[in-house]
Amino acid sequence: MKIIVIALMIFSFLHSADIQNRDLEAENKKLIEKIAELQKLILKQQKILKIKQNIDKNLFNNSSECGDEDTFPKLMMKKEYQEEALDEDKIIKFSSSSFRLREDSAIYDSINGKKIGEWKSGRVFTSSMMSSRWIKISGYYENKKYKIAKKEMWVNATQISKR
């Protein structure tokens, strides 16, 4: 009987060792799978880091190239649309147009000349000559009647608006 009890004890011990061995094998498989997942994650992180380093290198290289000189071409307007710079003394003739004073304005006898009068804002006049900053008054309205200017009169172009 002792032998049977001892044999049963040995078998139970071996059986429990076998169950523990199976549990350890299952746990070992799980750990191996987890290690494989972590290795894949590490590879992805390394690739991302290399890409980031390459981007940083490219940005650093490009920033030094663009530092002082402008790499864009100089843009120029087509000649047909360019306005020639007006000289102070150069007078341009154009088709007669009517203008209105935006503010009370001084009237002069020539370009940068002597002040000969003052007109109120809203007064309407006509002109067909101008320089860079001045417009010559060729006619004006007085008491709702048009009068041709008999003497030379100029007004500053910044104080008028075209009607």
C-alpha atoms as a PDB file:
ATOM      1  CA  MET A   1       0.000   0.000   0.000  1.00  0.00           C
ATOM      2  CA  LYS A   2       2.844   2.281   0.729  1.00  0.00           C
ATOM      3  CA  ILE A   3       4.077   1.761  -2.763  1.00  0.00           C
ATOM      4  CA  ILE A   4       0.731   2.721  -4.225  1.00  0.00           C
ATOM      5  CA  VAL A   5       0.569   5.867  -2.115  1.00  0.00           C
ATOM      6  CA  ILE A   6       4.140   6.735  -3.087  1.00  0.00           C
ATOM      7  CA  ALA A   7       3.358   5.987  -6.752  1.00  0.00           C
ATOM      8  CA  LEU A   8       0.246   8.198  -6.586  1.00  0.00           C
ATOM      9  CA  MET A   9       2.254  10.962  -4.994  1.00  0.00           C
ATOM     10  CA  ILE A  10       4.910  10.679  -7.683  1.00  0.00           C
ATOM     11  CA  PHE A  11       2.284  10.701 -10.448  1.00  0.00           C
ATOM     12  CA  SER A  12       0.494  13.691  -8.937  1.00  0.00           C
ATOM     13  CA  PHE A  13       3.816  15.479  -8.613  1.00  0.00           C
ATOM     14  CA  LEU A  14       4.685  14.667 -12.230  1.00  0.00           C
ATOM     15  CA  HIS A  15       1.204  15.686 -13.362  1.00  0.00           C
ATOM     16  CA  SER A  16       1.431  19.050 -11.577  1.00  0.00           C
ATOM     17  CA  ALA A  17       4.931  19.550 -13.045  1.00  0.00           C
ATOM     18  CA  ASP A  18       3.529  18.776 -16.520  1.00  0.00           C
ATOM     19  CA  ILE A  19       0.690  21.320 -16.039  1.00  0.00           C
ATOM     20  CA  GLN A  20       3.174  23.919 -14.822  1.00  0.00           C
ATOM     21  CA  ASN A  21       5.369  23.171 -17.837  1.00  0.00           C
ATOM     22  CA  ARG A  22       2.399  23.697 -20.199  1.00  0.00           C
ATOM     23  CA  ASP A  23       1.505  26.968 -18.449  1.00  0.00           C
ATOM     24  CA  LEU A  24       5.102  28.119 -18.757  1.00  0.00           C
ATOM     25  CA  GLU A  25       5.178  27.220 -22.455  1.00  0.00           C
ATOM     26  CA  ALA A  26       1.950  29.207 -23.109  1.00  0.00           C
ATOM     27  CA  GLU A  27       3.312  32.173 -21.173  1.00  0.00           C
ATOM     28  CA  ASN A  28       6.605  31.882 -23.073  1.00  0.00           C
ATOM     29  CA  LYS A  29       4.717  32.012 -26.427  1.00  0.00           C
ATOM     30  CA  LYS A  30       2.853  35.112 -25.295  1.00  0.00           C
ATOM     31  CA  LEU A  31       6.104  36.792 -24.289  1.00  0.00           C
ATOM     32  CA  ILE A  32       7.751  35.888 -27.617  1.00  0.00           C
ATOM     33  CA  GLU A  33       4.788  37.437 -29.510  1.00  0.00           C
ATOM     34  CA  LYS A  34       4.993  40.574 -27.342  1.00  0.00           C
ATOM     35  CA  ILE A  35       8.745  40.832 -28.045  1.00  0.00           C
ATOM     36  CA  ALA A  36       8.084  40.564 -31.809  1.00  0.00           C
ATOM     37  CA  GLU A  37       5.475  43.360 -31.616  1.00  0.00           C
ATOM     38  CA  LEU A  38       7.870  45.572 -29.658  1.00  0.00           C
ATOM     39  CA  GLN A  39      10.661  44.915 -32.199  1.00  0.00           C
ATOM     40  CA  LYS A  40       8.309  45.991 -35.027  1.00  0.00           C
ATOM     41  CA  LEU A  41       7.447  49.142 -33.070  1.00  0.00           C
ATOM     42  CA  ILE A  42      11.149  49.888 -32.560  1.00  0.00           C
ATOM     43  CA  LEU A  43      11.802  49.531 -36.313  1.00  0.00           C
ATOM     44  CA  LYS A  44       8.950  51.942 -37.094  1.00  0.00           C
ATOM     45  CA  GLN A  45      10.271  54.453 -34.571  1.00  0.00           C
ATOM     46  CA  GLN A  46      13.783  54.206 -36.056  1.00  0.00           C
ATOM     47  CA  LYS A  47      12.419  54.854 -39.566  1.00  0.00           C
ATOM     48  CA  ILE A  48      10.462  57.895 -38.320  1.00  0.00           C
ATOM     49  CA  LEU A  49      13.572  59.213 -36.551  1.00  0.00           C
ATOM     50  CA  LYS A  50      15.686  58.850 -39.729  1.00  0.00           C
ATOM     51  CA  ILE A  51      13.039  60.680 -41.767  1.00  0.00           C
ATOM     52  CA  LYS A  52      12.911  63.489 -39.194  1.00  0.00           C
ATOM     53  CA  GLN A  53      16.711  63.792 -39.205  1.00  0.00           C
ATOM     54  CA  ASN A  54      16.726  63.987 -43.031  1.00  0.00           C
ATOM     55  CA  ILE A  55      14.052  66.686 -42.970  1.00  0.00           C
ATOM     56  CA  ASP A  56      16.013  68.669 -40.376  1.00  0.00           C
ATOM     57  CA  LYS A  57      19.193  68.373 -42.495  1.00  0.00           C
ATOM     58  CA  ASN A  58      17.344  69.544 -45.613  1.00  0.00           C
ATOM     59  CA  LEU A  59      15.792  72.482 -43.759  1.00  0.00           C
ATOM     60  CA  PHE A  60      19.161  73.478 -42.378  1.00  0.00           C
ATOM     61  CA  ASN A  61      20.812  73.250 -45.806  1.00  0.00           C
ATOM     62  CA  ASN A  62      18.006  75.167 -47.525  1.00  0.00           C
ATOM     63  CA  SER A  63      17.900  77.912 -44.905  1.00  0.00           C
ATOM     64  CA  SER A  64      21.571  78.702 -45.427  1.00  0.00           C
ATOM     65  CA  GLU A  65      21.062  78.913 -49.205  1.00  0.00           C
ATOM     66  CA  CYS A  66      18.196  81.398 -48.924  1.00  0.00           C
ATOM     67  CA  GLY A  67      19.862  83.587 -46.331  1.00  0.00           C
ATOM     68  CA  ASP A  68      21.028  86.750 -48.037  1.00  0.00           C
ATOM     69  CA  GLU A  69      20.200  86.532 -51.701  1.00  0.00           C
ATOM     70  CA  ASP A  70      16.724  86.539 -53.170  1.00  0.00           C
ATOM     71  CA  THR A  71      16.234  83.450 -55.339  1.00  0.00           C
ATOM     72  CA  PHE A  72      13.062  84.771 -56.961  1.00  0.00           C
ATOM     73  CA  PRO A  73      13.411  86.630 -60.244  1.00  0.00           C
ATOM     74  CA  LYS A  74      12.833  90.341 -60.307  1.00  0.00           C
ATOM     75  CA  LEU A  75       9.310  90.893 -61.568  1.00  0.00           C
ATOM     76  CA  MET A  76       8.807  93.683 -64.059  1.00  0.00           C
ATOM     77  CA  MET A  77       5.602  95.102 -65.438  1.00  0.00           C
ATOM     78  CA  LYS A  78       5.158  94.934 -69.198  1.00  0.00           C
ATOM     79  CA  LYS A  79       6.327  98.097 -70.924  1.00  0.00           C
ATOM     80  CA  GLU A  80       2.887  98.814 -72.318  1.00  0.00           C
ATOM     81  CA  TYR A  81       1.484  99.038 -68.780  1.00  0.00           C
ATOM     82  CA  GLN A  82       4.328 100.958 -67.188  1.00  0.00           C
ATOM     83  CA  GLU A  83       3.729 104.600 -66.442  1.00  0.00           C
ATOM     84  CA  GLU A  84       6.619 106.841 -67.150  1.00  0.00           C
ATOM     85  CA  ALA A  85       7.834 108.804 -64.180  1.00  0.00           C
ATOM     86  CA  LEU A  86       6.569 112.342 -64.509  1.00  0.00           C
ATOM     87  CA  ASP A  87       9.033 115.174 -64.174  1.00  0.00           C
ATOM     88  CA  GLU A  88       7.909 118.106 -62.090  1.00  0.00           C
ATOM     89  CA  ASP A  89       8.177 120.375 -65.122  1.00  0.00           C
ATOM     90  CA  LYS A  90       6.837 117.968 -67.758  1.00  0.00           C
ATOM     91  CA  ILE A  91       3.246 118.774 -68.691  1.00  0.00           C
ATOM     92  CA  ILE A  92       0.979 116.137 -70.173  1.00  0.00           C
ATOM     93  CA  LYS A  93      -2.087 116.916 -72.260  1.00  0.00           C
ATOM     94  CA  PHE A  94      -5.123 114.667 -72.127  1.00  0.00           C
ATOM     95  CA  SER A  95      -8.736 114.836 -73.209  1.00  0.00           C
ATOM     96  CA  SER A  96     -10.672 117.354 -71.190  1.00  0.00           C
ATOM     97  CA  SER A  97     -12.233 115.951 -68.011  1.00  0.00           C
ATOM     98  CA  SER A  98     -14.141 117.405 -65.126  1.00  0.00           C
ATOM     99  CA  PHE A  99     -12.823 117.318 -61.575  1.00  0.00           C
ATOM    100  CA  ARG A 100     -14.132 118.186 -58.129  1.00  0.00           C
ATOM    101  CA  LEU A 101     -12.262 119.599 -55.141  1.00  0.00           C
ATOM    102  CA  ARG A 102     -12.299 117.255 -52.164  1.00  0.00           C
ATOM    103  CA  GLU A 103     -11.317 119.977 -49.720  1.00  0.00           C
ATOM    104  CA  ASP A 104     -10.857 123.721 -49.558  1.00  0.00           C
ATOM    105  CA  SER A 105      -7.922 124.375 -51.873  1.00  0.00           C
ATOM    106  CA  ALA A 106      -5.557 127.165 -52.762  1.00  0.00           C
ATOM    107  CA  ILE A 107      -5.360 128.185 -56.434  1.00  0.00           C
ATOM    108  CA  TYR A 108      -1.949 129.154 -57.824  1.00  0.00           C
ATOM    109  CA  ASP A 109      -0.846 131.191 -60.863  1.00  0.00           C
ATOM    110  CA  SER A 110       1.683 128.517 -61.977  1.00  0.00           C
ATOM    111  CA  ILE A 111       3.252 125.276 -60.799  1.00  0.00           C
ATOM    112  CA  ASN A 112       4.706 126.045 -57.347  1.00  0.00           C
ATOM    113  CA  GLY A 113       3.713 129.641 -58.017  1.00  0.00           C
ATOM    114  CA  LYS A 114       2.031 132.412 -56.088  1.00  0.00           C
ATOM    115  CA  LYS A 115      -1.350 131.827 -54.414  1.00  0.00           C
ATOM    116  CA  ILE A 116      -4.074 133.818 -56.230  1.00  0.00           C
ATOM    117  CA  GLY A 117      -7.205 132.548 -54.535  1.00  0.00           C
ATOM    118  CA  GLU A 118      -8.988 129.849 -52.613  1.00  0.00           C
ATOM    119  CA  TRP A 119     -11.886 127.623 -53.684  1.00  0.00           C
ATOM    120  CA  LYS A 120     -14.291 125.741 -51.420  1.00  0.00           C
ATOM    121  CA  SER A 121     -14.559 121.953 -51.437  1.00  0.00           C
ATOM    122  CA  GLY A 122     -17.019 120.513 -53.964  1.00  0.00           C
ATOM    123  CA  ARG A 123     -16.268 123.101 -56.668  1.00  0.00           C
ATOM    124  CA  VAL A 124     -16.235 121.597 -60.153  1.00  0.00           C
ATOM    125  CA  PHE A 125     -13.723 122.506 -62.854  1.00  0.00           C
ATOM    126  CA  THR A 126     -12.353 121.116 -66.119  1.00  0.00           C
ATOM    127  CA  SER A 127      -8.801 120.417 -67.166  1.00  0.00           C
ATOM    128  CA  SER A 128      -6.798 118.933 -70.020  1.00  0.00           C
ATOM    129  CA  MET A 129      -3.236 119.450 -68.713  1.00  0.00           C
ATOM    130  CA  MET A 130      -1.335 118.092 -65.755  1.00  0.00           C
ATOM    131  CA  SER A 131       2.132 117.601 -64.341  1.00  0.00           C
ATOM    132  CA  SER A 132       3.201 115.097 -61.716  1.00  0.00           C
ATOM    133  CA  ARG A 133       1.545 116.956 -58.801  1.00  0.00           C
ATOM    134  CA  TRP A 134      -0.461 119.764 -60.385  1.00  0.00           C
ATOM    135  CA  ILE A 135      -3.536 120.103 -62.597  1.00  0.00           C
ATOM    136  CA  LYS A 136      -4.202 123.168 -64.721  1.00  0.00           C
ATOM    137  CA  ILE A 137      -7.716 124.629 -64.498  1.00  0.00           C
ATOM    138  CA  SER A 138      -8.980 125.310 -68.030  1.00  0.00           C
ATOM    139  CA  GLY A 139     -12.557 126.155 -67.064  1.00  0.00           C
ATOM    140  CA  TYR A 140     -14.846 126.232 -64.054  1.00  0.00           C
ATOM    141  CA  TYR A 141     -18.492 126.549 -63.046  1.00  0.00           C
ATOM    142  CA  GLU A 142     -19.672 129.733 -61.402  1.00  0.00           C
ATOM    143  CA  ASN A 143     -23.349 130.303 -60.586  1.00  0.00           C
ATOM    144  CA  LYS A 144     -24.221 127.146 -62.553  1.00  0.00           C
ATOM    145  CA  LYS A 145     -22.588 128.571 -65.703  1.00  0.00           C
ATOM    146  CA  TYR A 146     -19.403 127.350 -67.276  1.00  0.00           C
ATOM    147  CA  LYS A 147     -16.583 129.900 -67.691  1.00  0.00           C
ATOM    148  CA  ILE A 148     -13.318 129.442 -69.527  1.00  0.00           C
ATOM    149  CA  ALA A 149     -10.326 130.340 -67.383  1.00  0.00           C
ATOM    150  CA  LYS A 150      -8.833 133.569 -68.776  1.00  0.00           C
ATOM    151  CA  LYS A 151      -5.689 133.449 -66.640  1.00  0.00           C
ATOM    152  CA  GLU A 152      -3.500 130.503 -65.788  1.00  0.00           C
ATOM    153  CA  MET A 153      -4.717 128.615 -62.664  1.00  0.00           C
ATOM    154  CA  TRP A 154      -3.263 125.492 -61.074  1.00  0.00           C
ATOM    155  CA  VAL A 155      -4.405 123.303 -58.173  1.00  0.00           C
ATOM    156  CA  ASN A 156      -2.588 120.589 -56.234  1.00  0.00           C
ATOM    157  CA  ALA A 157      -3.573 117.154 -57.616  1.00  0.00           C
ATOM    158  CA  THR A 158      -3.819 115.581 -54.147  1.00  0.00           C
ATOM    159  CA  GLN A 159      -6.848 117.764 -53.356  1.00  0.00           C
ATOM    160  CA  ILE A 160      -9.072 116.710 -56.253  1.00  0.00           C
ATOM    161  CA  SER A 161     -11.048 113.734 -57.445  1.00  0.00           C
ATOM    162  CA  LYS A 162     -12.130 112.935 -60.964  1.00  0.00           C
ATOM    163  CA  ARG A 163     -15.853 113.298 -61.584  1.00  0.00           C
END
